[in-house]
PDB file of N, CA and C in Angstrom:
ATOM      1  N   MET A   1      -7.977  11.398 -28.118  1.00  0.00           N
ATOM      2  CA  MET A   1      -8.175  10.652 -29.406  1.00  0.00           C
ATOM      3  C   MET A   1      -8.414   9.236 -27.382  1.00  0.00           C
ATOM      4  N   ILE A   2      -7.112   8.936 -27.181  1.00  0.00           N
ATOM      5  CA  ILE A   2      -7.290   8.231 -26.028  1.00  0.00           C
ATOM      6  C   ILE A   2      -8.505   8.516 -25.251  1.00  0.00           C
ATOM      7  N   GLU A   3      -8.189   9.459 -24.256  1.00  0.00           N
ATOM      8  CA  GLU A   3      -8.947  10.137 -23.371  1.00  0.00           C
ATOM      9  C   GLU A   3     -10.678   9.687 -23.807  1.00  0.00           C
ATOM     10  N   TYR A   4     -11.649   9.825 -25.379  1.00  0.00           N
ATOM     11  CA  TYR A   4     -12.396  10.086 -26.006  1.00  0.00           C
ATOM     12  C   TYR A   4     -12.529   8.248 -25.708  1.00  0.00           C
ATOM     13  N   ILE A   5     -11.956   7.249 -26.439  1.00  0.00           N
ATOM     14  CA  ILE A   5     -12.140   5.819 -26.390  1.00  0.00           C
ATOM     15  C   ILE A   5     -12.499   5.588 -24.871  1.00  0.00           C
ATOM     16  N   LEU A   6     -11.512   5.677 -24.406  1.00  0.00           N
ATOM     17  CA  LEU A   6     -11.327   5.425 -22.315  1.00  0.00           C
ATOM     18  C   LEU A   6     -13.236   5.967 -21.945  1.00  0.00           C
ATOM     19  N   SER A   7     -13.231   6.788 -22.260  1.00  0.00           N
ATOM     20  CA  SER A   7     -14.321   7.585 -21.816  1.00  0.00           C
ATOM     21  C   SER A   7     -15.867   7.252 -22.511  1.00  0.00           C
ATOM     22  N   SER A   8     -15.783   6.269 -23.763  1.00  0.00           N
ATOM     23  CA  SER A   8     -16.632   5.491 -24.678  1.00  0.00           C
ATOM     24  C   SER A   8     -17.266   4.628 -24.003  1.00  0.00           C
ATOM     25  N   ALA A   9     -15.558   3.416 -23.681  1.00  0.00           N
ATOM     26  CA  ALA A   9     -15.940   3.039 -22.925  1.00  0.00           C
ATOM     27  C   ALA A   9     -16.383   2.408 -21.454  1.00  0.00           C
ATOM     28  N   LEU A  10     -15.937   3.230 -20.854  1.00  0.00           N
ATOM     29  CA  LEU A  10     -16.891   3.213 -19.375  1.00  0.00           C
ATOM     30  C   LEU A  10     -18.214   3.425 -19.339  1.00  0.00           C
ATOM     31  N   ASN A  11     -18.717   4.494 -20.675  1.00  0.00           N
ATOM     32  CA  ASN A  11     -20.544   4.946 -20.332  1.00  0.00           C
ATOM     33  C   ASN A  11     -21.204   4.185 -21.285  1.00  0.00           C
ATOM     34  N   ARG A  12     -20.768   3.411 -21.197  1.00  0.00           N
ATOM     35  CA  ARG A  12     -21.345   2.323 -22.275  1.00  0.00           C
ATOM     36  C   ARG A  12     -22.111   1.232 -21.236  1.00  0.00           C
ATOM     37  N   ASP A  13     -21.998   1.298 -20.001  1.00  0.00           N
ATOM     38  CA  ASP A  13     -22.013  -0.212 -19.009  1.00  0.00           C
ATOM     39  C   ASP A  13     -23.680  -0.509 -19.397  1.00  0.00           C
ATOM     40  N   ASN A  14     -24.487   0.534 -19.738  1.00  0.00           N
ATOM     41  CA  ASN A  14     -26.130   0.276 -20.053  1.00  0.00           C
ATOM     42  C   ASN A  14     -25.682  -0.040 -20.972  1.00  0.00           C
ATOM     43  N   GLN A  15     -24.969  -0.560 -22.152  1.00  0.00           N
ATOM     44  CA  GLN A  15     -25.516  -1.750 -23.238  1.00  0.00           C
ATOM     45  C   GLN A  15     -24.537  -2.923 -23.371  1.00  0.00           C
ATOM     46  N   LEU A  16     -24.573  -2.871 -22.179  1.00  0.00           N
ATOM     47  CA  LEU A  16     -23.219  -4.813 -21.747  1.00  0.00           C
ATOM     48  C   LEU A  16     -24.412  -5.665 -21.838  1.00  0.00           C
ATOM     49  N   ASP A  17     -24.437  -6.584 -21.906  1.00  0.00           N
ATOM     50  CA  ASP A  17     -25.461  -7.695 -21.359  1.00  0.00           C
ATOM     51  C   ASP A  17     -24.456  -8.129 -19.832  1.00  0.00           C
ATOM     52  N   ASP A  18     -25.691  -7.843 -19.039  1.00  0.00           N
ATOM     53  CA  ASP A  18     -25.837  -8.222 -17.615  1.00  0.00           C
ATOM     54  C   ASP A  18     -25.352  -9.485 -16.892  1.00  0.00           C
ATOM     55  N   LYS A  19     -25.025 -10.560 -17.908  1.00  0.00           N
ATOM     56  CA  LYS A  19     -24.962 -12.082 -17.711  1.00  0.00           C
ATOM     57  C   LYS A  19     -23.686 -12.271 -17.925  1.00  0.00           C
ATOM     58  N   ILE A  20     -22.364 -10.820 -19.036  1.00  0.00           N
ATOM     59  CA  ILE A  20     -21.445 -10.942 -19.211  1.00  0.00           C
ATOM     60  C   ILE A  20     -20.123 -10.594 -17.937  1.00  0.00           C
ATOM     61  N   ALA A  21     -19.638 -10.977 -17.035  1.00  0.00           N
ATOM     62  CA  ALA A  21     -18.633 -10.439 -16.434  1.00  0.00           C
ATOM     63  C   ALA A  21     -17.762  -9.014 -16.804  1.00  0.00           C
ATOM     64  N   ASN A  22     -17.542  -7.746 -16.833  1.00  0.00           N
ATOM     65  CA  ASN A  22     -16.949  -7.122 -18.168  1.00  0.00           C
ATOM     66  C   ASN A  22     -16.098  -6.112 -17.246  1.00  0.00           C
ATOM     67  N   HIS A  23     -15.295  -6.971 -15.729  1.00  0.00           N
ATOM     68  CA  HIS A  23     -14.762  -6.514 -14.579  1.00  0.00           C
ATOM     69  C   HIS A  23     -13.818  -7.106 -14.412  1.00  0.00           C
ATOM     70  N   TYR A  24     -12.326  -7.508 -13.621  1.00  0.00           N
ATOM     71  CA  TYR A  24     -11.761  -8.654 -13.894  1.00  0.00           C
ATOM     72  C   TYR A  24     -10.982  -8.695 -12.817  1.00  0.00           C
ATOM     73  N   LEU A  25     -10.414  -8.804 -11.918  1.00  0.00           N
ATOM     74  CA  LEU A  25      -9.195  -9.569 -11.042  1.00  0.00           C
ATOM     75  C   LEU A  25      -8.844 -10.823 -11.075  1.00  0.00           C
ATOM     76  N   THR A  26      -7.448 -10.646 -11.472  1.00  0.00           N
ATOM     77  CA  THR A  26      -6.907 -11.674 -11.500  1.00  0.00           C
ATOM     78  C   THR A  26      -5.873 -11.941  -9.993  1.00  0.00           C
ATOM     79  N   ASP A  27      -5.726 -13.563  -9.131  1.00  0.00           N
ATOM     80  CA  ASP A  27      -5.010 -13.915  -8.130  1.00  0.00           C
ATOM     81  C   ASP A  27      -4.846 -12.442  -7.548  1.00  0.00           C
ATOM     82  N   PHE A  28      -6.236 -12.377  -6.625  1.00  0.00           N
ATOM     83  CA  PHE A  28      -6.610 -11.173  -5.523  1.00  0.00           C
ATOM     84  C   PHE A  28      -6.333 -11.883  -4.477  1.00  0.00           C
ATOM     85  N   THR A  29      -6.708 -10.009  -3.511  1.00  0.00           N
ATOM     86  CA  THR A  29      -6.679 -10.716  -1.863  1.00  0.00           C
ATOM     87  C   THR A  29      -7.325  -9.115  -1.556  1.00  0.00           C
ATOM     88  N   MET A  30      -8.524  -9.180  -0.953  1.00  0.00           N
ATOM     89  CA  MET A  30      -9.540  -8.394  -0.232  1.00  0.00           C
ATOM     90  C   MET A  30      -9.798  -8.510   0.825  1.00  0.00           C
ATOM     91  N   THR A  31      -9.541  -7.165   2.102  1.00  0.00           N
ATOM     92  CA  THR A  31      -9.100  -7.465   2.992  1.00  0.00           C
ATOM     93  C   THR A  31     -10.476  -5.846   3.764  1.00  0.00           C
ATOM     94  N   GLU A  32     -11.172  -6.759   4.699  1.00  0.00           N
ATOM     95  CA  GLU A  32     -11.961  -5.899   5.847  1.00  0.00           C
ATOM     96  C   GLU A  32     -11.701  -5.205   6.898  1.00  0.00           C
ATOM     97  N   THR A  33     -11.684  -4.618   7.617  1.00  0.00           N
ATOM     98  CA  THR A  33     -11.277  -3.796   8.540  1.00  0.00           C
ATOM     99  C   THR A  33     -12.940  -3.592   8.819  1.00  0.00           C
ATOM    100  N   ASP A  34     -12.882  -3.247  10.649  1.00  0.00           N
ATOM    101  CA  ASP A  34     -13.970  -2.754  11.220  1.00  0.00           C
ATOM    102  C   ASP A  34     -13.474  -1.322  11.741  1.00  0.00           C
ATOM    103  N   ASN A  35     -14.377  -0.795  12.031  1.00  0.00           N
ATOM    104  CA  ASN A  35     -13.959   0.950  12.728  1.00  0.00           C
ATOM    105  C   ASN A  35     -12.921   1.075  13.333  1.00  0.00           C
ATOM    106  N   ARG A  36     -11.950  -0.003  14.438  1.00  0.00           N
ATOM    107  CA  ARG A  36     -10.660   0.565  14.918  1.00  0.00           C
ATOM    108  C   ARG A  36      -9.531  -0.470  14.327  1.00  0.00           C
ATOM    109  N   GLY A  37     -10.269  -0.459  13.106  1.00  0.00           N
ATOM    110  CA  GLY A  37      -9.153  -1.227  11.785  1.00  0.00           C
ATOM    111  C   GLY A  37      -8.496  -2.485  12.195  1.00  0.00           C
ATOM    112  N   GLU A  38      -9.210  -3.464  12.882  1.00  0.00           N
ATOM    113  CA  GLU A  38      -9.131  -4.673  13.107  1.00  0.00           C
ATOM    114  C   GLU A  38      -9.089  -5.504  12.174  1.00  0.00           C
ATOM    115  N   ILE A  39      -8.606  -6.256  11.543  1.00  0.00           N
ATOM    116  CA  ILE A  39      -9.037  -6.787  10.404  1.00  0.00           C
ATOM    117  C   ILE A  39     -10.296  -8.205  10.714  1.00  0.00           C
ATOM    118  N   SER A  40     -11.344  -7.712   9.859  1.00  0.00           N
ATOM    119  CA  SER A  40     -12.485  -8.727  10.379  1.00  0.00           C
ATOM    120  C   SER A  40     -13.013  -9.830   9.466  1.00  0.00           C
ATOM    121  N   TRP A  41     -12.274 -10.279   7.870  1.00  0.00           N
ATOM    122  CA  TRP A  41     -11.850 -11.102   6.894  1.00  0.00           C
ATOM    123  C   TRP A  41     -11.067 -10.409   6.217  1.00  0.00           C
ATOM    124  N   ILE A  42     -10.399 -11.649   5.685  1.00  0.00           N
ATOM    125  CA  ILE A  42      -9.358 -11.921   4.604  1.00  0.00           C
ATOM    126  C   ILE A  42     -10.075 -12.503   3.173  1.00  0.00           C
ATOM    127  N   LEU A  43     -10.208 -12.064   2.475  1.00  0.00           N
ATOM    128  CA  LEU A  43     -10.744 -12.754   0.810  1.00  0.00           C
ATOM    129  C   LEU A  43      -9.557 -12.956  -0.153  1.00  0.00           C
ATOM    130  N   ASP A  44      -9.277 -14.586  -0.442  1.00  0.00           N
ATOM    131  CA  ASP A  44      -8.191 -14.175  -1.773  1.00  0.00           C
ATOM    132  C   ASP A  44      -9.438 -15.348  -2.516  1.00  0.00           C
ATOM    133  N   GLY A  45      -8.531 -14.572  -3.813  1.00  0.00           N
ATOM    134  CA  GLY A  45      -8.911 -16.032  -4.924  1.00  0.00           C
ATOM    135  C   GLY A  45      -8.374 -16.132  -6.055  1.00  0.00           C
ATOM    136  N   GLU A  46      -8.398 -16.906  -7.320  1.00  0.00           N
ATOM    137  CA  GLU A  46      -7.616 -16.671  -8.491  1.00  0.00           C
ATOM    138  C   GLU A  46      -8.592 -15.355  -9.740  1.00  0.00           C
ATOM    139  N   ARG A  47      -9.713 -15.242  -9.378  1.00  0.00           N
ATOM    140  CA  ARG A  47     -10.483 -14.914  -9.818  1.00  0.00           C
ATOM    141  C   ARG A  47     -11.730 -13.829  -9.716  1.00  0.00           C
ATOM    142  N   LEU A  48     -11.880 -12.805  -9.698  1.00  0.00           N
ATOM    143  CA  LEU A  48     -13.149 -11.844  -9.029  1.00  0.00           C
ATOM    144  C   LEU A  48     -13.289 -11.190  -9.931  1.00  0.00           C
ATOM    145  N   GLU A  49     -14.820 -11.604 -10.265  1.00  0.00           N
ATOM    146  CA  GLU A  49     -15.364 -11.038 -11.684  1.00  0.00           C
ATOM    147  C   GLU A  49     -16.441 -10.403 -11.562  1.00  0.00           C
ATOM    148  N   LYS A  50     -16.645  -8.538 -12.339  1.00  0.00           N
ATOM    149  CA  LYS A  50     -17.943  -8.249 -11.721  1.00  0.00           C
ATOM    150  C   LYS A  50     -18.638  -8.014 -13.223  1.00  0.00           C
ATOM    151  N   PHE A  51     -20.234  -7.865 -13.007  1.00  0.00           N
ATOM    152  CA  PHE A  51     -20.501  -7.836 -13.969  1.00  0.00           C
ATOM    153  C   PHE A  51     -21.230  -6.604 -14.129  1.00  0.00           C
ATOM    154  N   PRO A  52     -22.138  -5.964 -15.131  1.00  0.00           N
ATOM    155  CA  PRO A  52     -22.600  -4.366 -15.088  1.00  0.00           C
ATOM    156  C   PRO A  52     -23.838  -4.668 -15.123  1.00  0.00           C
ATOM    157  N   ASN A  53     -24.223  -3.163 -14.840  1.00  0.00           N
ATOM    158  CA  ASN A  53     -25.565  -2.930 -13.927  1.00  0.00           C
ATOM    159  C   ASN A  53     -26.058  -3.684 -12.764  1.00  0.00           C
ATOM    160  N   SER A  54     -24.838  -4.548 -12.163  1.00  0.00           N
ATOM    161  CA  SER A  54     -25.043  -4.269 -11.607  1.00  0.00           C
ATOM    162  C   SER A  54     -24.674  -5.193  -9.896  1.00  0.00           C
ATOM    163  N   GLU A  55     -24.547  -5.173  -8.263  1.00  0.00           N
ATOM    164  CA  GLU A  55     -24.193  -5.559  -7.553  1.00  0.00           C
ATOM    165  C   GLU A  55     -23.332  -6.925  -7.452  1.00  0.00           C
ATOM    166  N   ARG A  56     -23.244  -7.856  -8.590  1.00  0.00           N
ATOM    167  CA  ARG A  56     -23.051  -9.271  -9.134  1.00  0.00           C
ATOM    168  C   ARG A  56     -21.646  -9.292  -8.894  1.00  0.00           C
ATOM    169  N   SER A  57     -20.905 -10.275  -8.053  1.00  0.00           N
ATOM    170  CA  SER A  57     -19.632 -10.791  -8.545  1.00  0.00           C
ATOM    171  C   SER A  57     -19.489 -12.274  -8.731  1.00  0.00           C
ATOM    172  N   GLU A  58     -18.266 -12.791  -8.740  1.00  0.00           N
ATOM    173  CA  GLU A  58     -18.847 -14.181  -8.579  1.00  0.00           C
ATOM    174  C   GLU A  58     -17.072 -14.387  -8.432  1.00  0.00           C
ATOM    175  N   VAL A  59     -16.421 -15.444  -7.527  1.00  0.00           N
ATOM    176  CA  VAL A  59     -14.888 -15.447  -7.305  1.00  0.00           C
ATOM    177  C   VAL A  59     -14.880 -16.931  -7.713  1.00  0.00           C
ATOM    178  N   ILE A  60     -13.553 -16.912  -8.413  1.00  0.00           N
ATOM    179  CA  ILE A  60     -12.779 -18.458  -8.802  1.00  0.00           C
ATOM    180  C   ILE A  60     -12.271 -18.235  -7.847  1.00  0.00           C
ATOM    181  N   ARG A  61     -11.863 -20.101  -6.844  1.00  0.00           N
ATOM    182  CA  ARG A  61     -11.513 -20.581  -6.013  1.00  0.00           C
ATOM    183  C   ARG A  61     -11.392 -19.436  -5.101  1.00  0.00           C
ATOM    184  N   PRO A  62     -12.529 -19.840  -4.975  1.00  0.00           N
ATOM    185  CA  PRO A  62     -11.896 -18.608  -2.734  1.00  0.00           C
ATOM    186  C   PRO A  62     -11.331 -19.443  -1.758  1.00  0.00           C
ATOM    187  N   SER A  63     -11.033 -18.886  -1.470  1.00  0.00           N
ATOM    188  CA  SER A  63     -10.228 -18.366   0.385  1.00  0.00           C
ATOM    189  C   SER A  63     -10.854 -17.624   1.244  1.00  0.00           C
ATOM    190  N   MET A  64     -11.598 -17.652   2.293  1.00  0.00           N
ATOM    191  CA  MET A  64     -11.798 -16.856   3.352  1.00  0.00           C
ATOM    192  C   MET A  64     -11.507 -17.121   4.418  1.00  0.00           C
ATOM    193  N   LYS A  65     -10.774 -16.322   5.363  1.00  0.00           N
ATOM    194  CA  LYS A  65     -10.295 -16.198   6.205  1.00  0.00           C
ATOM    195  C   LYS A  65     -11.516 -15.186   7.666  1.00  0.00           C
ATOM    196  N   ILE A  66     -12.124 -15.267   8.166  1.00  0.00           N
ATOM    197  CA  ILE A  66     -13.006 -14.795   8.691  1.00  0.00           C
ATOM    198  C   ILE A  66     -12.142 -14.884  10.812  1.00  0.00           C
ATOM    199  N   LEU A  67     -12.048 -13.804  10.893  1.00  0.00           N
ATOM    200  CA  LEU A  67     -11.278 -13.618  12.135  1.00  0.00           C
ATOM    201  C   LEU A  67     -12.642 -13.664  13.754  1.00  0.00           C
ATOM    202  N   SER A  68     -12.456 -14.338  14.262  1.00  0.00           N
ATOM    203  CA  SER A  68     -13.192 -13.836  15.834  1.00  0.00           C
ATOM    204  C   SER A  68     -12.553 -13.034  16.724  1.00  0.00           C
ATOM    205  N   GLU A  69     -13.430 -12.208  17.340  1.00  0.00           N
ATOM    206  CA  GLU A  69     -12.501 -11.960  18.764  1.00  0.00           C
ATOM    207  C   GLU A  69     -12.305 -12.922  20.149  1.00  0.00           C
ATOM    208  N   ASN A  70     -13.207 -13.939  19.837  1.00  0.00           N
ATOM    209  CA  ASN A  70     -12.715 -15.142  20.831  1.00  0.00           C
ATOM    210  C   ASN A  70     -12.510 -15.752  20.550  1.00  0.00           C
ATOM    211  N   ASP A  71     -12.694 -16.607  19.041  1.00  0.00           N
ATOM    212  CA  ASP A  71     -12.820 -18.320  18.724  1.00  0.00           C
ATOM    213  C   ASP A  71     -11.572 -18.311  17.748  1.00  0.00           C
ATOM    214  N   GLY A  72     -10.735 -16.935  17.406  1.00  0.00           N
ATOM    215  CA  GLY A  72      -9.415 -16.916  16.430  1.00  0.00           C
ATOM    216  C   GLY A  72      -9.603 -16.847  14.951  1.00  0.00           C
ATOM    217  N   TYR A  73      -9.728 -17.917  14.287  1.00  0.00           N
ATOM    218  CA  TYR A  73     -10.535 -17.609  12.945  1.00  0.00           C
ATOM    219  C   TYR A  73     -11.435 -19.532  12.539  1.00  0.00           C
ATOM    220  N   TRP A  74     -11.688 -18.900  11.030  1.00  0.00           N
ATOM    221  CA  TRP A  74     -12.856 -19.469  10.434  1.00  0.00           C
ATOM    222  C   TRP A  74     -12.156 -19.558   8.863  1.00  0.00           C
ATOM    223  N   ILE A  75     -11.885 -20.331   8.060  1.00  0.00           N
ATOM    224  CA  ILE A  75     -11.080 -20.825   6.993  1.00  0.00           C
ATOM    225  C   ILE A  75     -12.659 -21.447   5.950  1.00  0.00           C
ATOM    226  N   VAL A  76     -13.246 -20.865   5.339  1.00  0.00           N
ATOM    227  CA  VAL A  76     -14.299 -21.008   4.075  1.00  0.00           C
ATOM    228  C   VAL A  76     -13.381 -21.251   3.031  1.00  0.00           C
ATOM    229  N   CYS A  77     -13.095 -22.495   2.213  1.00  0.00           N
ATOM    230  CA  CYS A  77     -12.668 -22.701   1.399  1.00  0.00           C
ATOM    231  C   CYS A  77     -14.049 -23.296  -0.038  1.00  0.00           C
ATOM    232  N   LYS A  78     -13.553 -23.824  -1.408  1.00  0.00           N
ATOM    233  CA  LYS A  78     -14.383 -24.049  -1.546  1.00  0.00           C
ATOM    234  C   LYS A  78     -13.409 -25.107  -2.638  1.00  0.00           C
TER     235      LYS A  78
END
């Protein structure tokens, strides 16, 4: 029964409203690394929302640290 409910929830993304987020993370941190394993950037936020049938995501209270090989780093906040 539980397996049926979970698979039904995952398979109905095409029935969801594209303007309403259907997945989210709270108090998150994401890190991107390059092919050498060096950190390129770090993104923190209060909430990351993902919208169905789209690559669209929104970040609430973002703070991004972008690292540079020569110049140290940049911090971008809203």
